[in-house]
């Protein structure tokens, strides 16, 4: 379930960065149209993959519930990062991956 939550977080970052106003805040340049289209497609594909993984690991009803619960949580987190510390948004991808690896090694 942690993999699907991480994929969901990355998908939401791709979807938020595909918007011109968020891209300008984080990267400080205008977004390229090809990058914008690719980022939207990748973000939507990762959302679907995350939903499928949630459903596969916990069942249909719990999977959809967990998906929307994590979706709401990650939207709030990304909105807070974009509001107060937009340059740290990209850094959180790596930190969350390292945190996930640390949890995997500690739990096994």
C-alpha atoms as a PDB file:
ATOM      1  CA  UNK A   1       0.000   0.000   0.000  1.00  0.00           C
ATOM      2  CA  UNK A   2       2.926   2.351   0.564  1.00  0.00           C
ATOM      3  CA  UNK A   3       4.002   1.988  -3.056  1.00  0.00           C
ATOM      4  CA  UNK A   4       0.575   2.992  -4.303  1.00  0.00           C
ATOM      5  CA  UNK A   5       0.517   5.978  -1.933  1.00  0.00           C
ATOM      6  CA  UNK A   6       3.949   7.073  -3.198  1.00  0.00           C
ATOM      7  CA  UNK A   7       2.789   6.721  -6.816  1.00  0.00           C
ATOM      8  CA  UNK A   8      -0.294   8.787  -5.967  1.00  0.00           C
ATOM      9  CA  UNK A   9       1.894  11.530  -4.466  1.00  0.00           C
ATOM     10  CA  UNK A  10       4.115  11.634  -7.555  1.00  0.00           C
ATOM     11  CA  UNK A  11       1.039  11.705  -9.814  1.00  0.00           C
ATOM     12  CA  UNK A  12      -0.369  14.711  -7.981  1.00  0.00           C
ATOM     13  CA  UNK A  13       2.966  16.507  -8.221  1.00  0.00           C
ATOM     14  CA  UNK A  14       3.046  15.878 -11.979  1.00  0.00           C
ATOM     15  CA  UNK A  15      -0.508  17.162 -12.316  1.00  0.00           C
ATOM     16  CA  UNK A  16       0.204  20.274 -10.274  1.00  0.00           C
ATOM     17  CA  UNK A  17       3.451  21.033 -12.110  1.00  0.00           C
ATOM     18  CA  UNK A  18       1.640  20.702 -15.454  1.00  0.00           C
ATOM     19  CA  UNK A  19      -0.271  23.860 -14.594  1.00  0.00           C
ATOM     20  CA  UNK A  20       1.499  27.007 -15.778  1.00  0.00           C
ATOM     21  CA  UNK A  21       1.100  29.006 -12.561  1.00  0.00           C
ATOM     22  CA  UNK A  22       2.517  26.232 -10.362  1.00  0.00           C
ATOM     23  CA  UNK A  23       5.330  25.502 -12.803  1.00  0.00           C
ATOM     24  CA  UNK A  24       6.367  29.170 -12.750  1.00  0.00           C
ATOM     25  CA  UNK A  25       6.468  29.181  -8.951  1.00  0.00           C
ATOM     26  CA  UNK A  26       8.480  25.969  -8.625  1.00  0.00           C
ATOM     27  CA  UNK A  27      10.807  26.118 -11.656  1.00  0.00           C
ATOM     28  CA  UNK A  28      10.721  29.908 -12.335  1.00  0.00           C
ATOM     29  CA  UNK A  29      10.189  29.657 -16.113  1.00  0.00           C
ATOM     30  CA  UNK A  30       7.234  29.229 -18.440  1.00  0.00           C
ATOM     31  CA  UNK A  31       6.048  25.696 -19.076  1.00  0.00           C
ATOM     32  CA  UNK A  32       6.674  24.108 -22.451  1.00  0.00           C
ATOM     33  CA  UNK A  33       3.463  22.863 -24.131  1.00  0.00           C
ATOM     34  CA  UNK A  34       4.987  19.436 -24.841  1.00  0.00           C
ATOM     35  CA  UNK A  35       6.050  19.115 -21.203  1.00  0.00           C
ATOM     36  CA  UNK A  36       2.606  20.217 -20.075  1.00  0.00           C
ATOM     37  CA  UNK A  37       0.861  17.547 -22.155  1.00  0.00           C
ATOM     38  CA  UNK A  38       3.338  14.831 -21.153  1.00  0.00           C
ATOM     39  CA  UNK A  39       3.049  15.773 -17.490  1.00  0.00           C
ATOM     40  CA  UNK A  40      -0.752  15.612 -17.591  1.00  0.00           C
ATOM     41  CA  UNK A  41      -0.722  12.242 -19.334  1.00  0.00           C
ATOM     42  CA  UNK A  42       1.864  10.815 -16.942  1.00  0.00           C
ATOM     43  CA  UNK A  43       0.026  12.207 -13.919  1.00  0.00           C
ATOM     44  CA  UNK A  44      -3.296  10.728 -15.010  1.00  0.00           C
ATOM     45  CA  UNK A  45      -1.676   7.384 -15.850  1.00  0.00           C
ATOM     46  CA  UNK A  46      -0.033   7.275 -12.425  1.00  0.00           C
ATOM     47  CA  UNK A  47      -3.375   8.107 -10.775  1.00  0.00           C
ATOM     48  CA  UNK A  48      -4.984   5.138 -12.496  1.00  0.00           C
ATOM     49  CA  UNK A  49      -2.055   2.865 -11.610  1.00  0.00           C
ATOM     50  CA  UNK A  50      -2.279   3.987  -7.991  1.00  0.00           C
ATOM     51  CA  UNK A  51      -6.015   3.304  -7.861  1.00  0.00           C
ATOM     52  CA  UNK A  52      -5.516  -0.158  -9.330  1.00  0.00           C
ATOM     53  CA  UNK A  53      -2.757  -0.917  -6.817  1.00  0.00           C
ATOM     54  CA  UNK A  54      -4.912   0.245  -3.908  1.00  0.00           C
ATOM     55  CA  UNK A  55      -7.780  -1.955  -5.099  1.00  0.00           C
ATOM     56  CA  UNK A  56      -5.466  -4.912  -5.693  1.00  0.00           C
ATOM     57  CA  UNK A  57      -3.872  -4.782  -2.239  1.00  0.00           C
ATOM     58  CA  UNK A  58      -6.901  -4.037  -0.044  1.00  0.00           C
ATOM     59  CA  UNK A  59      -9.986  -4.978  -2.048  1.00  0.00           C
ATOM     60  CA  UNK A  60     -12.485  -2.879  -3.952  1.00  0.00           C
ATOM     61  CA  UNK A  61     -14.281  -0.956  -1.198  1.00  0.00           C
ATOM     62  CA  UNK A  62     -11.266  -0.344   1.032  1.00  0.00           C
ATOM     63  CA  UNK A  63      -9.033   0.375  -1.953  1.00  0.00           C
ATOM     64  CA  UNK A  64     -11.280   3.155  -3.213  1.00  0.00           C
ATOM     65  CA  UNK A  65     -11.615   4.526   0.324  1.00  0.00           C
ATOM     66  CA  UNK A  66      -7.855   4.543   0.881  1.00  0.00           C
ATOM     67  CA  UNK A  67      -7.309   6.088  -2.545  1.00  0.00           C
ATOM     68  CA  UNK A  68      -9.597   9.046  -1.857  1.00  0.00           C
ATOM     69  CA  UNK A  69      -8.294   9.413   1.694  1.00  0.00           C
ATOM     70  CA  UNK A  70      -4.679   9.615   0.554  1.00  0.00           C
ATOM     71  CA  UNK A  71      -5.741  11.801  -2.372  1.00  0.00           C
ATOM     72  CA  UNK A  72      -7.238  14.392  -0.028  1.00  0.00           C
ATOM     73  CA  UNK A  73      -4.237  14.261   2.301  1.00  0.00           C
ATOM     74  CA  UNK A  74      -1.700  14.669  -0.507  1.00  0.00           C
ATOM     75  CA  UNK A  75      -3.659  17.497  -2.126  1.00  0.00           C
ATOM     76  CA  UNK A  76      -3.534  19.416   1.155  1.00  0.00           C
ATOM     77  CA  UNK A  77       0.197  18.720   1.546  1.00  0.00           C
ATOM     78  CA  UNK A  78       1.000  19.806  -2.011  1.00  0.00           C
ATOM     79  CA  UNK A  79      -1.154  22.922  -1.664  1.00  0.00           C
ATOM     80  CA  UNK A  80       0.707  23.879   1.510  1.00  0.00           C
ATOM     81  CA  UNK A  81       4.066  23.335  -0.175  1.00  0.00           C
ATOM     82  CA  UNK A  82       3.008  25.398  -3.197  1.00  0.00           C
ATOM     83  CA  UNK A  83       1.811  28.188  -0.930  1.00  0.00           C
ATOM     84  CA  UNK A  84       4.660  28.458   1.556  1.00  0.00           C
ATOM     85  CA  UNK A  85       7.740  26.598   0.250  1.00  0.00           C
ATOM     86  CA  UNK A  86       7.311  25.919  -3.505  1.00  0.00           C
ATOM     87  CA  UNK A  87      11.004  25.175  -4.116  1.00  0.00           C
ATOM     88  CA  UNK A  88      10.840  22.258  -1.645  1.00  0.00           C
ATOM     89  CA  UNK A  89       8.079  20.495  -3.586  1.00  0.00           C
ATOM     90  CA  UNK A  90      10.490  18.691  -5.915  1.00  0.00           C
ATOM     91  CA  UNK A  91      12.750  17.867  -2.976  1.00  0.00           C
ATOM     92  CA  UNK A  92       9.877  16.109  -1.199  1.00  0.00           C
ATOM     93  CA  UNK A  93       9.786  13.452  -3.928  1.00  0.00           C
ATOM     94  CA  UNK A  94      13.251  12.275  -2.962  1.00  0.00           C
ATOM     95  CA  UNK A  95      12.685  12.630   0.765  1.00  0.00           C
ATOM     96  CA  UNK A  96       9.476  10.620   0.639  1.00  0.00           C
ATOM     97  CA  UNK A  97      11.213   7.914  -1.418  1.00  0.00           C
ATOM     98  CA  UNK A  98      14.045   7.694   1.121  1.00  0.00           C
ATOM     99  CA  UNK A  99      11.496   7.579   3.944  1.00  0.00           C
ATOM    100  CA  UNK A 100       9.668   4.752   2.168  1.00  0.00           C
ATOM    101  CA  UNK A 101      12.915   2.781   1.723  1.00  0.00           C
ATOM    102  CA  UNK A 102      13.772   3.320   5.383  1.00  0.00           C
ATOM    103  CA  UNK A 103      10.367   2.044   6.483  1.00  0.00           C
ATOM    104  CA  UNK A 104      10.662  -1.000   4.215  1.00  0.00           C
ATOM    105  CA  UNK A 105      14.037  -1.942   5.686  1.00  0.00           C
ATOM    106  CA  UNK A 106      12.947  -1.332   9.270  1.00  0.00           C
ATOM    107  CA  UNK A 107       9.745  -3.349   8.965  1.00  0.00           C
ATOM    108  CA  UNK A 108      11.388  -6.354   7.273  1.00  0.00           C
END
